C-alpha atoms as a PDB file:
ATOM      1  CA  MET A   1      26.123   4.857  21.340  1.00  0.00           C
ATOM      2  CA  THR A   2      23.905   2.846  18.885  1.00  0.00           C
ATOM      3  CA  GLY A   3      20.854   4.806  17.648  1.00  0.00           C
ATOM      4  CA  THR A   4      17.436   3.791  16.565  1.00  0.00           C
ATOM      5  CA  LEU A   5      15.621   3.102  13.393  1.00  0.00           C
ATOM      6  CA  ALA A   6      11.839   3.542  13.026  1.00  0.00           C
ATOM      7  CA  ILE A   7      10.189   2.311   9.818  1.00  0.00           C
ATOM      8  CA  ALA A   8       7.172   4.396   9.647  1.00  0.00           C
ATOM      9  CA  GLY A   9       3.975   4.644   7.563  1.00  0.00           C
ATOM     10  CA  LEU A  10       2.676   8.088   6.692  1.00  0.00           C
ATOM     11  CA  GLY A  11      -0.773   6.927   5.709  1.00  0.00           C
ATOM     12  CA  PRO A  12      -2.470   7.583   2.369  1.00  0.00           C
ATOM     13  CA  GLY A  13      -1.817  11.200   2.040  1.00  0.00           C
ATOM     14  CA  SER A  14      -3.816  13.273   4.574  1.00  0.00           C
ATOM     15  CA  GLU A  15      -1.878  14.667   7.521  1.00  0.00           C
ATOM     16  CA  ALA A  16      -4.874  13.618   9.622  1.00  0.00           C
ATOM     17  CA  MET A  17      -4.178  10.078   8.994  1.00  0.00           C
ATOM     18  CA  ILE A  18      -0.651  10.169  10.244  1.00  0.00           C
ATOM     19  CA  THR A  19      -0.825   8.263  13.660  1.00  0.00           C
ATOM     20  CA  PRO A  20       0.300  10.002  16.870  1.00  0.00           C
ATOM     21  CA  GLN A  21       3.036   7.254  17.207  1.00  0.00           C
ATOM     22  CA  VAL A  22       4.592   8.036  13.655  1.00  0.00           C
ATOM     23  CA  ARG A  23       4.335  11.804  14.415  1.00  0.00           C
ATOM     24  CA  ALA A  24       6.121  11.426  17.774  1.00  0.00           C
ATOM     25  CA  ALA A  25       8.990   9.502  15.926  1.00  0.00           C
ATOM     26  CA  LEU A  26       9.154  12.240  13.348  1.00  0.00           C
ATOM     27  CA  ASP A  27       9.419  14.886  15.911  1.00  0.00           C
ATOM     28  CA  ALA A  28      12.351  13.004  17.738  1.00  0.00           C
ATOM     29  CA  ALA A  29      14.187  12.153  14.539  1.00  0.00           C
ATOM     30  CA  THR A  30      17.643  13.520  13.552  1.00  0.00           C
ATOM     31  CA  ASP A  31      17.412  11.897  10.123  1.00  0.00           C
ATOM     32  CA  VAL A  32      14.252  11.045   7.794  1.00  0.00           C
ATOM     33  CA  LEU A  33      14.874   8.820   4.636  1.00  0.00           C
ATOM     34  CA  GLY A  34      12.468   7.822   1.931  1.00  0.00           C
ATOM     35  CA  TYR A  35      11.235   8.135  -1.591  1.00  0.00           C
ATOM     36  CA  ILE A  36      11.334  11.735  -2.810  1.00  0.00           C
ATOM     37  CA  PRO A  37       7.538  12.618  -2.514  1.00  0.00           C
ATOM     38  CA  TYR A  38       7.260  10.809   0.877  1.00  0.00           C
ATOM     39  CA  VAL A  39      10.145  12.778   2.379  1.00  0.00           C
ATOM     40  CA  ALA A  40       8.607  16.054   1.019  1.00  0.00           C
ATOM     41  CA  ARG A  41       5.632  15.370   3.289  1.00  0.00           C
ATOM     42  CA  VAL A  42       7.992  15.860   6.349  1.00  0.00           C
ATOM     43  CA  ALA A  43       8.448  19.565   7.384  1.00  0.00           C
ATOM     44  CA  PRO A  44      12.090  20.610   7.742  1.00  0.00           C
ATOM     45  CA  ARG A  45      13.313  21.875  11.083  1.00  0.00           C
ATOM     46  CA  PRO A  46      16.694  22.625  12.765  1.00  0.00           C
ATOM     47  CA  GLY A  47      18.433  19.447  13.740  1.00  0.00           C
ATOM     48  CA  LEU A  48      16.632  17.350  11.137  1.00  0.00           C
ATOM     49  CA  VAL A  49      18.353  16.048   7.997  1.00  0.00           C
ATOM     50  CA  LEU A  50      16.218  14.981   5.122  1.00  0.00           C
ATOM     51  CA  HIS A  51      17.457  12.204   2.795  1.00  0.00           C
ATOM     52  CA  PRO A  52      15.167  11.978  -0.279  1.00  0.00           C
ATOM     53  CA  SER A  53      15.894   9.307  -2.901  1.00  0.00           C
ATOM     54  CA  ASP A  54      14.683   7.554  -5.898  1.00  0.00           C
ATOM     55  CA  ASN A  55      12.017   4.897  -5.704  1.00  0.00           C
ATOM     56  CA  ARG A  56      14.460   2.402  -7.457  1.00  0.00           C
ATOM     57  CA  VAL A  57      17.110   2.304  -4.737  1.00  0.00           C
ATOM     58  CA  GLU A  58      15.176   0.584  -1.935  1.00  0.00           C
ATOM     59  CA  ARG A  59      17.990  -1.691  -0.833  1.00  0.00           C
ATOM     60  CA  GLU A  60      20.513   1.171  -0.778  1.00  0.00           C
ATOM     61  CA  ARG A  61      18.187   3.349   1.207  1.00  0.00           C
ATOM     62  CA  ALA A  62      17.641   0.733   3.701  1.00  0.00           C
ATOM     63  CA  ALA A  63      21.342   0.255   4.113  1.00  0.00           C
ATOM     64  CA  HIS A  64      21.837   3.882   4.557  1.00  0.00           C
ATOM     65  CA  ALA A  65      19.225   4.067   7.270  1.00  0.00           C
ATOM     66  CA  LEU A  66      20.861   1.272   9.115  1.00  0.00           C
ATOM     67  CA  ASP A  67      24.373   2.837   8.717  1.00  0.00           C
ATOM     68  CA  LEU A  68      23.050   6.165  10.275  1.00  0.00           C
ATOM     69  CA  ALA A  69      21.400   4.434  13.058  1.00  0.00           C
ATOM     70  CA  ALA A  70      24.568   2.387  13.821  1.00  0.00           C
ATOM     71  CA  GLN A  71      26.283   5.751  14.152  1.00  0.00           C
ATOM     72  CA  GLY A  72      23.966   6.711  17.011  1.00  0.00           C
ATOM     73  CA  ARG A  73      21.406   8.769  14.988  1.00  0.00           C
ATOM     74  CA  ARG A  74      17.642   8.572  15.550  1.00  0.00           C
ATOM     75  CA  VAL A  75      16.374   7.673  12.087  1.00  0.00           C
ATOM     76  CA  VAL A  76      12.972   7.376  10.716  1.00  0.00           C
ATOM     77  CA  LEU A  77      12.582   5.639   7.200  1.00  0.00           C
ATOM     78  CA  VAL A  78       9.214   6.590   5.619  1.00  0.00           C
ATOM     79  CA  SER A  79       6.781   4.951   3.418  1.00  0.00           C
ATOM     80  CA  SER A  80       3.319   5.990   2.363  1.00  0.00           C
ATOM     81  CA  GLY A  81       0.460   3.884   3.805  1.00  0.00           C
ATOM     82  CA  ASP A  82       1.763   1.007   5.972  1.00  0.00           C
ATOM     83  CA  PRO A  83       5.536   0.204   5.823  1.00  0.00           C
ATOM     84  CA  GLY A  84       4.817  -3.544   6.015  1.00  0.00           C
ATOM     85  CA  VAL A  85       2.529  -3.675   3.040  1.00  0.00           C
ATOM     86  CA  PHE A  86       4.654  -3.644  -0.201  1.00  0.00           C
ATOM     87  CA  ALA A  87       6.996  -1.224   1.305  1.00  0.00           C
ATOM     88  CA  MET A  88      10.166  -0.465   3.115  1.00  0.00           C
ATOM     89  CA  ALA A  89       9.961  -2.682   6.297  1.00  0.00           C
ATOM     90  CA  ALA A  90      10.594  -5.870   4.224  1.00  0.00           C
ATOM     91  CA  ALA A  91      13.460  -4.029   2.320  1.00  0.00           C
ATOM     92  CA  VAL A  92      15.064  -3.213   5.603  1.00  0.00           C
ATOM     93  CA  PHE A  93      14.884  -6.771   6.808  1.00  0.00           C
ATOM     94  CA  GLU A  94      16.332  -8.039   3.446  1.00  0.00           C
ATOM     95  CA  VAL A  95      19.492  -6.147   3.884  1.00  0.00           C
ATOM     96  CA  LEU A  96      19.712  -6.585   7.612  1.00  0.00           C
ATOM     97  CA  GLU A  97      19.837 -10.422   7.256  1.00  0.00           C
ATOM     98  CA  SER A  98      23.121 -10.351   5.532  1.00  0.00           C
ATOM     99  CA  GLY A  99      24.405  -7.115   6.714  1.00  0.00           C
ATOM    100  CA  PRO A 100      27.410  -6.074   8.829  1.00  0.00           C
ATOM    101  CA  GLN A 101      27.866  -6.696  12.514  1.00  0.00           C
ATOM    102  CA  ALA A 102      27.443  -3.082  13.149  1.00  0.00           C
ATOM    103  CA  TRP A 103      23.862  -3.306  12.412  1.00  0.00           C
ATOM    104  CA  ASP A 104      23.147  -5.957  15.007  1.00  0.00           C
ATOM    105  CA  ASP A 105      22.670  -3.555  17.938  1.00  0.00           C
ATOM    106  CA  VAL A 106      20.453  -1.093  16.163  1.00  0.00           C
ATOM    107  CA  ALA A 107      16.999  -0.905  17.723  1.00  0.00           C
ATOM    108  CA  ILE A 108      14.372  -1.330  14.967  1.00  0.00           C
ATOM    109  CA  GLU A 109      10.788  -0.585  15.329  1.00  0.00           C
ATOM    110  CA  VAL A 110       7.992  -0.734  12.724  1.00  0.00           C
ATOM    111  CA  LEU A 111       5.305   1.730  13.143  1.00  0.00           C
ATOM    112  CA  PRO A 112       2.165   0.937  11.238  1.00  0.00           C
ATOM    113  CA  GLY A 113       0.135   3.251   9.220  1.00  0.00           C
ATOM    114  CA  ILE A 114      -3.145   3.415   7.244  1.00  0.00           C
ATOM    115  CA  THR A 115      -2.622   1.606   4.041  1.00  0.00           C
ATOM    116  CA  ALA A 116      -4.252   2.516   0.737  1.00  0.00           C
ATOM    117  CA  MET A 117      -6.614  -0.468   0.654  1.00  0.00           C
ATOM    118  CA  LEU A 118      -8.102   0.414   4.212  1.00  0.00           C
ATOM    119  CA  ALA A 119      -8.370   4.160   3.341  1.00  0.00           C
ATOM    120  CA  ALA A 120     -10.022   3.298   0.061  1.00  0.00           C
ATOM    121  CA  ALA A 121     -12.411   0.711   1.465  1.00  0.00           C
ATOM    122  CA  ALA A 122     -13.509   3.054   4.315  1.00  0.00           C
ATOM    123  CA  ARG A 123     -14.313   5.728   1.822  1.00  0.00           C
ATOM    124  CA  ALA A 124     -16.348   3.434  -0.388  1.00  0.00           C
ATOM    125  CA  GLY A 125     -18.121   1.491   2.378  1.00  0.00           C
ATOM    126  CA  ALA A 126     -16.863  -1.881   3.516  1.00  0.00           C
ATOM    127  CA  PRO A 127     -15.782  -3.876   0.370  1.00  0.00           C
ATOM    128  CA  LEU A 128     -13.132  -5.760   2.730  1.00  0.00           C
ATOM    129  CA  GLY A 129     -15.809  -6.778   5.161  1.00  0.00           C
ATOM    130  CA  HIS A 130     -15.260 -10.504   4.690  1.00  0.00           C
ATOM    131  CA  ASP A 131     -12.186 -12.518   3.712  1.00  0.00           C
ATOM    132  CA  PHE A 132      -9.835 -10.729   1.323  1.00  0.00           C
ATOM    133  CA  CYS A 133      -6.308 -10.601  -0.057  1.00  0.00           C
ATOM    134  CA  ALA A 134      -3.830  -8.031  -1.357  1.00  0.00           C
ATOM    135  CA  ILE A 135      -1.945  -8.613  -4.537  1.00  0.00           C
ATOM    136  CA  ASN A 136       0.804  -6.340  -5.924  1.00  0.00           C
ATOM    137  CA  LEU A 137       0.546  -6.147  -9.745  1.00  0.00           C
ATOM    138  CA  SER A 138       4.027  -4.856 -10.277  1.00  0.00           C
ATOM    139  CA  ASP A 139       6.359  -7.457 -12.079  1.00  0.00           C
ATOM    140  CA  ASN A 140       9.473  -5.611 -10.967  1.00  0.00           C
ATOM    141  CA  LEU A 141      10.309  -8.252  -8.367  1.00  0.00           C
ATOM    142  CA  LYS A 142       8.263 -11.236  -9.477  1.00  0.00           C
ATOM    143  CA  PRO A 143       7.272 -12.521 -12.894  1.00  0.00           C
ATOM    144  CA  TRP A 144       3.764 -12.144 -14.375  1.00  0.00           C
ATOM    145  CA  ASP A 145       3.156 -15.927 -14.104  1.00  0.00           C
ATOM    146  CA  ILE A 146       3.156 -15.689 -10.365  1.00  0.00           C
ATOM    147  CA  ILE A 147       0.864 -12.667 -10.428  1.00  0.00           C
ATOM    148  CA  ALA A 148      -1.513 -14.498 -12.716  1.00  0.00           C
ATOM    149  CA  ARG A 149      -1.552 -17.630 -10.644  1.00  0.00           C
ATOM    150  CA  ARG A 150      -2.295 -15.721  -7.481  1.00  0.00           C
ATOM    151  CA  LEU A 151      -5.141 -13.699  -9.203  1.00  0.00           C
ATOM    152  CA  ARG A 152      -6.706 -16.980 -10.384  1.00  0.00           C
ATOM    153  CA  LEU A 153      -6.451 -18.588  -7.045  1.00  0.00           C
ATOM    154  CA  ALA A 154      -7.800 -15.664  -5.273  1.00  0.00           C
ATOM    155  CA  ALA A 155     -10.782 -15.609  -7.681  1.00  0.00           C
ATOM    156  CA  GLU A 156     -11.276 -19.434  -7.206  1.00  0.00           C
ATOM    157  CA  ALA A 157     -11.275 -18.822  -3.250  1.00  0.00           C
ATOM    158  CA  ASP A 158     -13.744 -15.959  -3.841  1.00  0.00           C
ATOM    159  CA  PHE A 159     -11.658 -13.415  -1.949  1.00  0.00           C
ATOM    160  CA  ALA A 160     -12.232  -9.761  -2.471  1.00  0.00           C
ATOM    161  CA  MET A 161      -8.945  -8.447  -3.819  1.00  0.00           C
ATOM    162  CA  ALA A 162      -6.989  -5.221  -3.263  1.00  0.00           C
ATOM    163  CA  LEU A 163      -4.667  -4.726  -6.197  1.00  0.00           C
ATOM    164  CA  TYR A 164      -1.664  -2.478  -5.582  1.00  0.00           C
ATOM    165  CA  ASN A 165       0.583  -0.715  -8.117  1.00  0.00           C
ATOM    166  CA  PRO A 166      -1.884  -1.415 -10.924  1.00  0.00           C
ATOM    167  CA  ARG A 167      -0.452   0.608 -13.731  1.00  0.00           C
ATOM    168  CA  SER A 168       2.552   2.896 -14.498  1.00  0.00           C
ATOM    169  CA  ARG A 169       4.233   4.257 -17.536  1.00  0.00           C
ATOM    170  CA  ALA A 170       6.861   1.455 -17.353  1.00  0.00           C
ATOM    171  CA  ARG A 171       4.210  -1.101 -16.992  1.00  0.00           C
ATOM    172  CA  PRO A 172       1.086  -0.020 -18.956  1.00  0.00           C
ATOM    173  CA  ASP A 173      -0.156  -3.470 -19.797  1.00  0.00           C
ATOM    174  CA  GLY A 174      -0.283  -5.231 -16.542  1.00  0.00           C
ATOM    175  CA  LEU A 175      -3.675  -3.902 -15.343  1.00  0.00           C
ATOM    176  CA  ALA A 176      -5.192  -4.791 -18.661  1.00  0.00           C
ATOM    177  CA  ARG A 177      -4.017  -8.376 -18.404  1.00  0.00           C
ATOM    178  CA  ALA A 178      -5.190  -8.650 -14.804  1.00  0.00           C
ATOM    179  CA  LEU A 179      -8.726  -7.259 -15.666  1.00  0.00           C
ATOM    180  CA  GLU A 180      -9.148  -9.660 -18.588  1.00  0.00           C
ATOM    181  CA  LEU A 181      -8.045 -12.524 -16.449  1.00  0.00           C
ATOM    182  CA  LEU A 182     -10.455 -11.626 -13.607  1.00  0.00           C
ATOM    183  CA  ARG A 183     -13.334 -11.185 -16.019  1.00  0.00           C
ATOM    184  CA  THR A 184     -12.799 -14.683 -17.190  1.00  0.00           C
ATOM    185  CA  CYS A 185     -12.478 -16.049 -13.634  1.00  0.00           C
ATOM    186  CA  CYS A 186     -15.060 -13.918 -11.874  1.00  0.00           C
ATOM    187  CA  GLY A 187     -17.431 -12.872 -14.592  1.00  0.00           C
ATOM    188  CA  PRO A 188     -18.148  -9.272 -15.988  1.00  0.00           C
ATOM    189  CA  GLN A 189     -20.512  -8.015 -13.211  1.00  0.00           C
ATOM    190  CA  ARG A 190     -18.149  -8.133 -10.218  1.00  0.00           C
ATOM    191  CA  PRO A 191     -18.137  -4.800  -8.470  1.00  0.00           C
ATOM    192  CA  THR A 192     -14.838  -2.931  -8.852  1.00  0.00           C
ATOM    193  CA  LEU A 193     -13.590   0.086  -7.078  1.00  0.00           C
ATOM    194  CA  PHE A 194     -10.948   2.441  -8.475  1.00  0.00           C
ATOM    195  CA  ALA A 195      -9.872   4.659  -5.597  1.00  0.00           C
ATOM    196  CA  ARG A 196      -7.147   7.319  -6.515  1.00  0.00           C
ATOM    197  CA  ALA A 197      -5.291   9.621  -4.049  1.00  0.00           C
ATOM    198  CA  VAL A 198      -7.534   8.737  -1.196  1.00  0.00           C
ATOM    199  CA  SER A 199      -7.679  11.448   1.530  1.00  0.00           C
ATOM    200  CA  THR A 200      -5.937  14.074  -0.573  1.00  0.00           C
ATOM    201  CA  PRO A 201      -7.631  16.989  -2.658  1.00  0.00           C
ATOM    202  CA  GLN A 202      -7.071  14.807  -5.775  1.00  0.00           C
ATOM    203  CA  GLU A 203      -9.212  11.888  -4.493  1.00  0.00           C
ATOM    204  CA  ASP A 204     -11.287  10.172  -6.958  1.00  0.00           C
ATOM    205  CA  LEU A 205     -13.519   7.158  -6.318  1.00  0.00           C
ATOM    206  CA  ARG A 206     -15.376   5.180  -9.041  1.00  0.00           C
ATOM    207  CA  ILE A 207     -17.396   1.956  -8.811  1.00  0.00           C
ATOM    208  CA  VAL A 208     -17.984   0.038 -11.819  1.00  0.00           C
ATOM    209  CA  SER A 209     -18.366  -3.530 -12.943  1.00  0.00           C
ATOM    210  CA  LEU A 210     -15.573  -5.582 -14.235  1.00  0.00           C
ATOM    211  CA  ALA A 211     -17.099  -5.329 -17.738  1.00  0.00           C
ATOM    212  CA  GLN A 212     -16.726  -1.522 -17.485  1.00  0.00           C
ATOM    213  CA  ALA A 213     -13.330  -1.501 -15.876  1.00  0.00           C
ATOM    214  CA  VAL A 214     -10.634  -0.238 -18.173  1.00  0.00           C
ATOM    215  CA  PRO A 215      -6.734   0.300 -17.414  1.00  0.00           C
ATOM    216  CA  GLU A 216      -6.957   4.018 -17.996  1.00  0.00           C
ATOM    217  CA  MET A 217      -9.045   4.373 -14.660  1.00  0.00           C
ATOM    218  CA  ALA A 218      -5.852   3.788 -12.703  1.00  0.00           C
ATOM    219  CA  ASP A 219      -2.378   4.940 -12.169  1.00  0.00           C
ATOM    220  CA  MET A 220       0.267   4.391  -9.512  1.00  0.00           C
ATOM    221  CA  ARG A 221      -1.757   6.534  -6.983  1.00  0.00           C
ATOM    222  CA  THR A 222      -4.688   4.139  -7.429  1.00  0.00           C
ATOM    223  CA  VAL A 223      -5.721   1.066  -5.544  1.00  0.00           C
ATOM    224  CA  VAL A 224      -8.177  -1.206  -7.266  1.00  0.00           C
ATOM    225  CA  ILE A 225     -10.526  -3.369  -5.065  1.00  0.00           C
ATOM    226  CA  VAL A 226     -12.414  -6.123  -6.906  1.00  0.00           C
ATOM    227  CA  GLY A 227     -15.260  -7.586  -4.826  1.00  0.00           C
ATOM    228  CA  SER A 228     -16.127 -11.215  -4.068  1.00  0.00           C
ATOM    229  CA  SER A 229     -19.236 -12.829  -5.394  1.00  0.00           C
ATOM    230  CA  GLN A 230     -21.007 -11.685  -2.376  1.00  0.00           C
ATOM    231  CA  THR A 231     -20.079  -7.961  -2.441  1.00  0.00           C
ATOM    232  CA  ARG A 232     -22.976  -5.594  -2.978  1.00  0.00           C
ATOM    233  CA  ILE A 233     -23.652  -1.967  -4.137  1.00  0.00           C
ATOM    234  CA  VAL A 234     -26.239  -0.034  -2.164  1.00  0.00           C
ATOM    235  CA  ALA A 235     -27.794   2.839  -4.067  1.00  0.00           C
ATOM    236  CA  ARG A 236     -28.221   6.085  -2.082  1.00  0.00           C
ATOM    237  CA  ALA A 237     -28.914   9.634  -2.926  1.00  0.00           C
ATOM    238  CA  ALA A 238     -25.621  10.720  -1.696  1.00  0.00           C
ATOM    239  CA  GLY A 239     -23.760   8.174  -3.899  1.00  0.00           C
ATOM    240  CA  PRO A 240     -23.340   4.323  -3.838  1.00  0.00           C
ATOM    241  CA  LEU A 241     -21.918   2.345  -0.906  1.00  0.00           C
ATOM    242  CA  LEU A 242     -19.905  -0.875  -1.632  1.00  0.00           C
ATOM    243  CA  TYR A 243     -19.778  -3.645   0.956  1.00  0.00           C
ATOM    244  CA  THR A 244     -19.121  -7.377   1.345  1.00  0.00           C
ATOM    245  CA  PRO A 245     -21.336  -9.001   4.020  1.00  0.00           C
ATOM    246  CA  ARG A 246     -19.781 -10.623   7.053  1.00  0.00           C
ATOM    247  CA  SER A 247     -21.290 -14.026   6.309  1.00  0.00           C
ATOM    248  CA  ALA A 248     -20.568 -16.618   3.520  1.00  0.00           C
ATOM    249  CA  GLY A 249     -21.702 -20.058   2.563  1.00  0.00           C
ATOM    250  CA  GLY A 250     -25.220 -19.588   3.718  1.00  0.00           C
ATOM    251  CA  VAL A 251     -24.295 -18.799   7.230  1.00  0.00           C
ATOM    252  CA  LEU A 252     -26.235 -15.907   8.726  1.00  0.00           C
ATOM    253  CA  ALA A 253     -24.824 -13.107  10.674  1.00  0.00           C
END
């Protein structure tokens, strides 16, 4: 009997942000695979096997999940946020495309989750209220030239931008290069949100201008949202709100 593979998003960190659909899949699973800290968020129970692994073995993890499902197991492969946004869903389909015949009958379902940019935007206000894009600043799987080109074109198109994987110990300079490029393309006053560990006890949100933005404000638990030319800051006693109006080009809502 062929099993099932659910590729599931655990959301940004809070248990309250795990969807009922993902919770039901975890409750029915025989095996849960994922990056070590994500698997640690799944409570052990009788009949459940946890398979934590390093973040640098995504293709191997995907193949392992497919192998287990082909053996008749009910497998859940977990990511943080949404599994389709810079996460494990694409990795599964990459290996599936050239995989063995045994994987063909595995029922695969992608279960969406609340990704970091949506959780961060909600906490700050509505900075993604109009057209926006998401760009992964990691150069592990693409060269810096592609990242720089996409940043320049997004700035030219006047998108708000959600920047994922901004800075790590292995890549300490990428965010600095991105911020310098955006200051040139967008100007120094563009509102910029640094949102770290949203929905967890370590949550920290800072709204600054591009001129004030420095790489040390971010790590791998941070998503950076750079506003468009229309993004505004509303000053309030309880703290500022960041939003991008629904209209553009002189069209009124």
